[in-house]
Amino acid sequence: MRFLAPFLALFLASCTHKIVQKDVVLAPVSALKPADLAGEAFTLASLRVQMKEISLPEARRPTIQFGEAGRVSGLAGVNRYSGTGELSAAGDLTWKGDMVLTRMAGPPEAMALEASFLAGLREINKAVLERGILRLTSADGGTKMEFRRP
């Protein structure tokens, strides 16, 4: 009996490891659909444009909202913007035409954030939604935006 206990403990440990490993490997990956993004606006949580981290204020952070027929709109920091994009099931995002933007002035810091956000948005071409977090990135990975719903 004394010799059997270590083997039994080793066997049980290896079974537990295999079960956990199996769950990780078999986790389903689903295609991204425009309906997954529709609804309430996402609020910007982090921003990197051309490999440069941009600090975000506590209030009036940029937002993005996806609507019908590929409509995209939101707050850029000071001004509102809207445009049209096409989203593939693989998460490829293609912008159709230019964004329309209101033209209000704001504090210099807010205008600088807005300029960085809009420049970054033009570079974005990939969308991933994972556990309620929307990640938008450029092909080279130099521009990344992370959004969350409130």
N, C-alpha and C. Protein backbone atom coordinates (compact mmCIF):
# COMPACT_ATOMS: atom_id res chain seq x y z
N MET A 1 0.80 -1.19 0.00
CA MET A 1 0.00 0.00 0.00
C MET A 1 0.85 1.26 0.00
N ARG A 2 1.94 1.23 0.77
CA ARG A 2 2.79 2.39 0.90
C ARG A 2 3.37 2.78 -0.47
N PHE A 3 3.65 1.82 -1.33
CA PHE A 3 4.23 2.09 -2.64
C PHE A 3 3.18 2.51 -3.65
N LEU A 4 1.94 2.18 -3.43
CA LEU A 4 0.86 2.50 -4.36
C LEU A 4 0.44 3.97 -4.27
N ALA A 5 0.51 4.57 -3.11
CA ALA A 5 0.06 5.95 -2.90
C ALA A 5 0.77 6.96 -3.82
N PRO A 6 2.11 6.94 -3.96
CA PRO A 6 2.76 7.90 -4.86
C PRO A 6 2.34 7.73 -6.31
N PHE A 7 2.16 6.50 -6.75
CA PHE A 7 1.73 6.26 -8.14
C PHE A 7 0.31 6.76 -8.38
N LEU A 8 -0.56 6.56 -7.39
CA LEU A 8 -1.93 7.03 -7.51
C LEU A 8 -1.97 8.56 -7.56
N ALA A 9 -1.17 9.23 -6.73
CA ALA A 9 -1.11 10.69 -6.74
C ALA A 9 -0.59 11.21 -8.07
N LEU A 10 0.42 10.56 -8.62
CA LEU A 10 0.98 10.96 -9.91
C LEU A 10 -0.04 10.76 -11.03
N PHE A 11 -0.76 9.65 -10.98
CA PHE A 11 -1.78 9.36 -11.99
C PHE A 11 -2.89 10.42 -11.96
N LEU A 12 -3.39 10.74 -10.77
CA LEU A 12 -4.45 11.74 -10.65
C LEU A 12 -3.99 13.11 -11.10
N ALA A 13 -2.77 13.49 -10.79
CA ALA A 13 -2.22 14.78 -11.23
C ALA A 13 -2.14 14.85 -12.74
N SER A 14 -1.72 13.76 -13.36
CA SER A 14 -1.61 13.77 -14.82
C SER A 14 -2.98 13.82 -15.47
N CYS A 15 -3.99 13.22 -14.89
CA CYS A 15 -5.36 13.29 -15.43
C CYS A 15 -5.89 14.71 -15.36
N THR A 16 -5.68 15.38 -14.25
CA THR A 16 -6.13 16.75 -14.10
C THR A 16 -5.47 17.65 -15.13
N HIS A 17 -4.18 17.48 -15.33
CA HIS A 17 -3.45 18.29 -16.30
C HIS A 17 -4.02 18.09 -17.71
N LYS A 18 -4.31 16.85 -18.07
CA LYS A 18 -4.84 16.57 -19.41
C LYS A 18 -6.21 17.19 -19.61
N ILE A 19 -7.04 17.18 -18.59
CA ILE A 19 -8.38 17.75 -18.71
C ILE A 19 -8.28 19.26 -18.93
N VAL A 20 -7.46 19.95 -18.15
CA VAL A 20 -7.29 21.38 -18.31
C VAL A 20 -6.72 21.69 -19.68
N GLN A 21 -5.71 20.95 -20.10
CA GLN A 21 -5.09 21.17 -21.40
C GLN A 21 -6.10 20.94 -22.52
N LYS A 22 -6.92 19.94 -22.40
CA LYS A 22 -7.93 19.63 -23.42
C LYS A 22 -8.92 20.79 -23.55
N ASP A 23 -9.37 21.34 -22.42
CA ASP A 23 -10.31 22.46 -22.46
C ASP A 23 -9.72 23.67 -23.18
N VAL A 24 -8.45 23.95 -22.94
CA VAL A 24 -7.81 25.09 -23.58
C VAL A 24 -7.72 24.88 -25.09
N VAL A 25 -7.31 23.71 -25.51
CA VAL A 25 -7.13 23.42 -26.92
C VAL A 25 -8.46 23.43 -27.66
N LEU A 26 -9.51 22.94 -27.03
CA LEU A 26 -10.79 22.81 -27.71
C LEU A 26 -11.71 24.02 -27.58
N ALA A 27 -11.21 25.13 -27.03
CA ALA A 27 -12.04 26.32 -26.90
C ALA A 27 -12.51 26.79 -28.27
N PRO A 28 -13.81 27.01 -28.45
CA PRO A 28 -14.33 27.38 -29.77
C PRO A 28 -13.95 28.81 -30.16
N VAL A 29 -13.69 29.00 -31.43
CA VAL A 29 -13.42 30.32 -31.98
C VAL A 29 -14.55 30.61 -32.97
N SER A 30 -15.27 31.70 -32.76
CA SER A 30 -16.39 31.99 -33.65
C SER A 30 -16.07 33.18 -34.54
N ALA A 31 -16.74 33.23 -35.66
CA ALA A 31 -16.56 34.32 -36.61
C ALA A 31 -17.20 35.59 -36.05
N LEU A 32 -16.62 36.72 -36.37
CA LEU A 32 -17.14 38.00 -35.93
C LEU A 32 -18.23 38.46 -36.88
N LYS A 33 -19.36 38.86 -36.32
CA LYS A 33 -20.49 39.33 -37.13
C LYS A 33 -20.79 40.78 -36.77
N PRO A 34 -21.23 41.58 -37.75
CA PRO A 34 -21.58 42.96 -37.42
C PRO A 34 -22.57 43.07 -36.27
N ALA A 35 -23.47 42.10 -36.15
CA ALA A 35 -24.46 42.13 -35.06
C ALA A 35 -23.78 42.02 -33.69
N ASP A 36 -22.59 41.39 -33.63
CA ASP A 36 -21.85 41.29 -32.37
C ASP A 36 -21.41 42.66 -31.87
N LEU A 37 -21.20 43.59 -32.79
CA LEU A 37 -20.70 44.92 -32.44
C LEU A 37 -21.82 45.95 -32.30
N ALA A 38 -22.99 45.63 -32.83
CA ALA A 38 -24.11 46.58 -32.82
C ALA A 38 -24.60 46.82 -31.41
N GLY A 39 -25.23 47.96 -31.23
CA GLY A 39 -25.81 48.28 -29.94
C GLY A 39 -25.09 49.42 -29.27
N GLU A 40 -24.95 49.31 -27.96
CA GLU A 40 -24.34 50.36 -27.16
C GLU A 40 -22.91 50.65 -27.61
N ALA A 41 -22.52 51.91 -27.49
CA ALA A 41 -21.17 52.34 -27.91
C ALA A 41 -20.10 51.71 -27.02
N PHE A 42 -18.93 51.48 -27.61
CA PHE A 42 -17.74 51.06 -26.90
C PHE A 42 -16.95 52.31 -26.54
N THR A 43 -16.34 52.32 -25.36
CA THR A 43 -15.52 53.45 -24.90
C THR A 43 -14.04 53.07 -24.95
N LEU A 44 -13.23 53.96 -25.45
CA LEU A 44 -11.79 53.71 -25.59
C LEU A 44 -11.14 53.51 -24.22
N ALA A 45 -10.41 52.40 -24.08
CA ALA A 45 -9.72 52.09 -22.83
C ALA A 45 -8.21 52.26 -22.97
N SER A 46 -7.68 52.04 -24.18
CA SER A 46 -6.25 52.27 -24.42
C SER A 46 -6.04 52.58 -25.89
N LEU A 47 -4.97 53.35 -26.15
CA LEU A 47 -4.70 53.81 -27.51
C LEU A 47 -3.20 53.85 -27.76
N ARG A 48 -2.79 53.21 -28.84
CA ARG A 48 -1.40 53.28 -29.31
C ARG A 48 -1.46 53.57 -30.80
N VAL A 49 -0.81 54.65 -31.22
CA VAL A 49 -0.79 55.05 -32.62
C VAL A 49 0.66 55.10 -33.08
N GLN A 50 0.96 54.35 -34.13
CA GLN A 50 2.32 54.25 -34.67
C GLN A 50 3.33 53.99 -33.57
N MET A 51 3.04 52.98 -32.76
CA MET A 51 3.90 52.50 -31.67
C MET A 51 4.03 53.48 -30.50
N LYS A 52 3.24 54.53 -30.47
CA LYS A 52 3.32 55.50 -29.38
C LYS A 52 2.05 55.41 -28.53
N GLU A 53 2.24 55.14 -27.22
CA GLU A 53 1.11 55.09 -26.30
C GLU A 53 0.57 56.50 -26.06
N ILE A 54 -0.73 56.64 -26.16
CA ILE A 54 -1.39 57.94 -25.95
C ILE A 54 -2.14 57.88 -24.63
N SER A 55 -1.89 58.84 -23.74
CA SER A 55 -2.60 58.84 -22.46
C SER A 55 -4.03 59.33 -22.67
N LEU A 56 -4.92 58.77 -21.89
CA LEU A 56 -6.35 59.07 -22.01
C LEU A 56 -6.85 59.80 -20.78
N PRO A 57 -7.74 60.77 -20.97
CA PRO A 57 -8.34 61.46 -19.82
C PRO A 57 -9.37 60.56 -19.15
N GLU A 58 -9.77 60.91 -17.97
CA GLU A 58 -10.81 60.16 -17.27
C GLU A 58 -12.19 60.40 -17.90
N ALA A 59 -12.43 61.62 -18.35
CA ALA A 59 -13.73 61.98 -18.91
C ALA A 59 -13.63 62.21 -20.43
N ARG A 60 -14.75 62.12 -21.11
CA ARG A 60 -14.87 62.38 -22.54
C ARG A 60 -13.87 61.58 -23.38
N ARG A 61 -13.79 60.30 -23.10
CA ARG A 61 -12.94 59.43 -23.90
C ARG A 61 -13.63 59.15 -25.23
N PRO A 62 -12.85 58.95 -26.28
CA PRO A 62 -13.46 58.60 -27.57
C PRO A 62 -14.29 57.31 -27.48
N THR A 63 -15.29 57.25 -28.34
CA THR A 63 -16.18 56.09 -28.41
C THR A 63 -16.32 55.63 -29.85
N ILE A 64 -16.83 54.42 -30.02
CA ILE A 64 -17.16 53.92 -31.35
C ILE A 64 -18.43 53.09 -31.22
N GLN A 65 -19.33 53.31 -32.17
CA GLN A 65 -20.61 52.59 -32.17
C GLN A 65 -20.88 52.08 -33.58
N PHE A 66 -21.26 50.83 -33.68
CA PHE A 66 -21.55 50.20 -34.96
C PHE A 66 -23.05 50.10 -35.13
N GLY A 67 -23.53 50.54 -36.31
CA GLY A 67 -24.96 50.51 -36.57
C GLY A 67 -25.28 49.70 -37.81
N GLU A 68 -26.47 49.94 -38.34
CA GLU A 68 -26.94 49.23 -39.52
C GLU A 68 -26.18 49.66 -40.77
N ALA A 69 -26.13 48.77 -41.74
CA ALA A 69 -25.54 49.02 -43.06
C ALA A 69 -24.09 49.51 -42.97
N GLY A 70 -23.36 49.02 -41.97
CA GLY A 70 -21.95 49.36 -41.86
C GLY A 70 -21.66 50.74 -41.29
N ARG A 71 -22.67 51.42 -40.77
CA ARG A 71 -22.44 52.75 -40.20
C ARG A 71 -21.62 52.65 -38.92
N VAL A 72 -20.65 53.55 -38.80
CA VAL A 72 -19.79 53.66 -37.63
C VAL A 72 -19.82 55.11 -37.19
N SER A 73 -19.99 55.34 -35.90
CA SER A 73 -20.03 56.72 -35.40
C SER A 73 -19.52 56.75 -33.97
N GLY A 74 -19.31 57.96 -33.48
CA GLY A 74 -18.89 58.09 -32.10
C GLY A 74 -18.37 59.46 -31.78
N LEU A 75 -17.78 59.56 -30.61
CA LEU A 75 -17.15 60.78 -30.14
C LEU A 75 -15.65 60.62 -30.32
N ALA A 76 -15.02 61.57 -30.97
CA ALA A 76 -13.57 61.50 -31.20
C ALA A 76 -12.78 62.13 -30.05
N GLY A 77 -13.44 62.75 -29.14
CA GLY A 77 -12.81 63.44 -28.01
C GLY A 77 -13.53 64.74 -27.76
N VAL A 78 -13.60 65.57 -28.79
CA VAL A 78 -14.35 66.83 -28.76
C VAL A 78 -15.49 66.75 -29.77
N ASN A 79 -15.19 66.32 -30.97
CA ASN A 79 -16.16 66.28 -32.07
C ASN A 79 -16.74 64.89 -32.28
N ARG A 80 -17.91 64.87 -32.92
CA ARG A 80 -18.56 63.61 -33.30
C ARG A 80 -18.09 63.25 -34.70
N TYR A 81 -18.00 61.96 -34.99
CA TYR A 81 -17.61 61.50 -36.31
C TYR A 81 -18.57 60.40 -36.77
N SER A 82 -18.61 60.17 -38.06
CA SER A 82 -19.37 59.05 -38.60
C SER A 82 -18.78 58.66 -39.94
N GLY A 83 -19.02 57.43 -40.32
CA GLY A 83 -18.52 56.91 -41.58
C GLY A 83 -19.11 55.54 -41.83
N THR A 84 -18.56 54.86 -42.81
CA THR A 84 -19.05 53.53 -43.17
C THR A 84 -17.87 52.57 -43.27
N GLY A 85 -18.07 51.39 -42.77
CA GLY A 85 -17.05 50.36 -42.84
C GLY A 85 -17.67 49.02 -43.18
N GLU A 86 -16.85 48.11 -43.66
CA GLU A 86 -17.31 46.76 -43.97
C GLU A 86 -16.49 45.79 -43.14
N LEU A 87 -17.18 44.89 -42.45
CA LEU A 87 -16.54 43.94 -41.56
C LEU A 87 -16.73 42.52 -42.10
N SER A 88 -15.63 41.79 -42.27
CA SER A 88 -15.72 40.40 -42.72
C SER A 88 -15.83 39.48 -41.50
N ALA A 89 -16.22 38.24 -41.73
CA ALA A 89 -16.33 37.26 -40.65
C ALA A 89 -14.98 37.01 -39.99
N ALA A 90 -13.91 37.20 -40.73
CA ALA A 90 -12.55 37.01 -40.18
C ALA A 90 -12.09 38.21 -39.37
N GLY A 91 -12.91 39.28 -39.33
CA GLY A 91 -12.56 40.46 -38.56
C GLY A 91 -11.82 41.53 -39.35
N ASP A 92 -11.74 41.36 -40.68
CA ASP A 92 -11.11 42.40 -41.51
C ASP A 92 -12.05 43.58 -41.62
N LEU A 93 -11.54 44.76 -41.37
CA LEU A 93 -12.34 45.98 -41.39
C LEU A 93 -11.83 46.89 -42.49
N THR A 94 -12.72 47.23 -43.42
CA THR A 94 -12.37 48.10 -44.54
C THR A 94 -13.23 49.35 -44.46
N TRP A 95 -12.59 50.51 -44.43
CA TRP A 95 -13.31 51.78 -44.39
C TRP A 95 -13.75 52.17 -45.79
N LYS A 96 -14.97 52.64 -45.91
CA LYS A 96 -15.54 53.07 -47.19
C LYS A 96 -15.64 54.60 -47.19
N GLY A 97 -14.76 55.25 -47.88
CA GLY A 97 -14.78 56.71 -47.94
C GLY A 97 -14.20 57.35 -46.69
N ASP A 98 -14.35 58.66 -46.61
CA ASP A 98 -13.82 59.43 -45.48
C ASP A 98 -14.83 59.51 -44.35
N MET A 99 -14.32 59.75 -43.16
CA MET A 99 -15.17 60.00 -42.00
C MET A 99 -15.67 61.44 -42.07
N VAL A 100 -16.90 61.65 -41.65
CA VAL A 100 -17.48 62.98 -41.54
C VAL A 100 -17.29 63.40 -40.09
N LEU A 101 -16.88 64.66 -39.88
CA LEU A 101 -16.52 65.13 -38.55
C LEU A 101 -17.10 66.51 -38.31
N THR A 102 -17.68 66.71 -37.11
CA THR A 102 -18.09 68.07 -36.75
C THR A 102 -16.83 68.88 -36.51
N ARG A 103 -16.96 70.20 -36.45
CA ARG A 103 -15.76 71.06 -36.35
C ARG A 103 -15.83 72.02 -35.18
N MET A 104 -15.88 71.47 -33.97
CA MET A 104 -15.88 72.31 -32.78
C MET A 104 -14.46 72.36 -32.21
N ALA A 105 -14.16 73.44 -31.53
CA ALA A 105 -12.85 73.58 -30.89
C ALA A 105 -12.96 73.15 -29.43
N GLY A 106 -11.85 72.70 -28.88
CA GLY A 106 -11.81 72.29 -27.49
C GLY A 106 -10.46 72.60 -26.90
N PRO A 107 -10.24 72.19 -25.66
CA PRO A 107 -8.94 72.40 -25.02
C PRO A 107 -7.83 71.71 -25.81
N PRO A 108 -6.62 72.26 -25.79
CA PRO A 108 -5.52 71.68 -26.58
C PRO A 108 -5.28 70.19 -26.34
N GLU A 109 -5.38 69.74 -25.06
CA GLU A 109 -5.15 68.32 -24.77
C GLU A 109 -6.21 67.44 -25.44
N ALA A 110 -7.46 67.91 -25.39
CA ALA A 110 -8.56 67.14 -25.99
C ALA A 110 -8.43 67.12 -27.51
N MET A 111 -8.00 68.21 -28.10
CA MET A 111 -7.83 68.26 -29.56
C MET A 111 -6.67 67.37 -29.99
N ALA A 112 -5.61 67.31 -29.17
CA ALA A 112 -4.47 66.44 -29.49
C ALA A 112 -4.89 64.96 -29.43
N LEU A 113 -5.68 64.60 -28.41
CA LEU A 113 -6.19 63.23 -28.30
C LEU A 113 -7.06 62.90 -29.51
N GLU A 114 -7.94 63.82 -29.86
CA GLU A 114 -8.83 63.62 -31.00
C GLU A 114 -8.03 63.40 -32.29
N ALA A 115 -7.01 64.20 -32.51
CA ALA A 115 -6.18 64.06 -33.72
C ALA A 115 -5.49 62.69 -33.74
N SER A 116 -4.97 62.24 -32.60
CA SER A 116 -4.33 60.92 -32.52
C SER A 116 -5.34 59.80 -32.76
N PHE A 117 -6.52 59.93 -32.15
CA PHE A 117 -7.56 58.91 -32.30
C PHE A 117 -7.99 58.78 -33.76
N LEU A 118 -8.26 59.91 -34.41
CA LEU A 118 -8.71 59.87 -35.81
C LEU A 118 -7.61 59.36 -36.75
N ALA A 119 -6.36 59.74 -36.49
CA ALA A 119 -5.25 59.23 -37.30
C ALA A 119 -5.14 57.72 -37.13
N GLY A 120 -5.28 57.25 -35.91
CA GLY A 120 -5.22 55.82 -35.65
C GLY A 120 -6.38 55.07 -36.27
N LEU A 121 -7.56 55.66 -36.21
CA LEU A 121 -8.75 55.02 -36.78
C LEU A 121 -8.59 54.78 -38.28
N ARG A 122 -7.94 55.70 -38.97
CA ARG A 122 -7.71 55.53 -40.41
C ARG A 122 -6.78 54.35 -40.71
N GLU A 123 -5.92 53.99 -39.76
CA GLU A 123 -4.96 52.89 -39.96
C GLU A 123 -5.53 51.52 -39.61
N ILE A 124 -6.62 51.50 -38.87
CA ILE A 124 -7.21 50.26 -38.38
C ILE A 124 -7.78 49.43 -39.53
N ASN A 125 -7.50 48.12 -39.51
CA ASN A 125 -8.10 47.25 -40.52
C ASN A 125 -8.41 45.85 -40.00
N LYS A 126 -8.35 45.67 -38.68
CA LYS A 126 -8.67 44.38 -38.08
C LYS A 126 -9.43 44.59 -36.79
N ALA A 127 -10.52 43.80 -36.59
CA ALA A 127 -11.33 43.90 -35.39
C ALA A 127 -11.45 42.52 -34.74
N VAL A 128 -11.29 42.48 -33.43
CA VAL A 128 -11.45 41.26 -32.65
C VAL A 128 -12.29 41.60 -31.44
N LEU A 129 -13.34 40.82 -31.20
CA LEU A 129 -14.17 40.99 -30.01
C LEU A 129 -13.98 39.75 -29.15
N GLU A 130 -13.46 39.96 -27.95
CA GLU A 130 -13.16 38.85 -27.07
C GLU A 130 -13.55 39.21 -25.64
N ARG A 131 -14.49 38.46 -25.10
CA ARG A 131 -14.96 38.67 -23.72
C ARG A 131 -15.42 40.10 -23.49
N GLY A 132 -16.12 40.66 -24.46
CA GLY A 132 -16.66 42.01 -24.33
C GLY A 132 -15.67 43.13 -24.59
N ILE A 133 -14.43 42.79 -24.94
CA ILE A 133 -13.42 43.80 -25.24
C ILE A 133 -13.21 43.83 -26.75
N LEU A 134 -13.34 45.00 -27.33
CA LEU A 134 -13.14 45.19 -28.76
C LEU A 134 -11.73 45.70 -28.98
N ARG A 135 -10.96 44.95 -29.77
CA ARG A 135 -9.59 45.36 -30.10
C ARG A 135 -9.52 45.65 -31.59
N LEU A 136 -9.10 46.85 -31.93
CA LEU A 136 -8.92 47.26 -33.32
C LEU A 136 -7.43 47.47 -33.53
N THR A 137 -6.89 46.90 -34.62
CA THR A 137 -5.46 47.01 -34.87
C THR A 137 -5.18 47.28 -36.34
N SER A 138 -3.99 47.80 -36.59
CA SER A 138 -3.52 47.99 -37.96
C SER A 138 -2.79 46.72 -38.39
N ALA A 139 -2.57 46.57 -39.69
CA ALA A 139 -1.91 45.38 -40.22
C ALA A 139 -0.52 45.18 -39.63
N ASP A 140 0.20 46.27 -39.40
CA ASP A 140 1.57 46.15 -38.87
C ASP A 140 1.60 46.07 -37.34
N GLY A 141 0.46 46.22 -36.68
CA GLY A 141 0.39 46.14 -35.23
C GLY A 141 0.84 47.40 -34.52
N GLY A 142 1.25 48.41 -35.25
CA GLY A 142 1.73 49.65 -34.65
C GLY A 142 0.63 50.50 -34.06
N THR A 143 -0.59 50.31 -34.55
CA THR A 143 -1.74 51.04 -34.03
C THR A 143 -2.70 50.04 -33.41
N LYS A 144 -3.05 50.29 -32.14
CA LYS A 144 -3.96 49.41 -31.41
C LYS A 144 -4.92 50.27 -30.62
N MET A 145 -6.18 49.88 -30.66
CA MET A 145 -7.19 50.52 -29.84
C MET A 145 -7.94 49.43 -29.10
N GLU A 146 -8.17 49.65 -27.83
CA GLU A 146 -8.96 48.71 -27.04
C GLU A 146 -10.16 49.45 -26.49
N PHE A 147 -11.33 48.89 -26.74
CA PHE A 147 -12.59 49.50 -26.30
C PHE A 147 -13.34 48.55 -25.39
N ARG A 148 -14.11 49.14 -24.48
CA ARG A 148 -14.99 48.35 -23.58
C ARG A 148 -16.35 49.02 -23.53
N ARG A 149 -17.34 48.22 -23.27
CA ARG A 149 -18.68 48.79 -23.06
C ARG A 149 -18.83 49.13 -21.59
N PRO A 150 -19.50 50.26 -21.32
CA PRO A 150 -19.66 50.66 -19.91
C PRO A 150 -20.47 49.66 -19.11
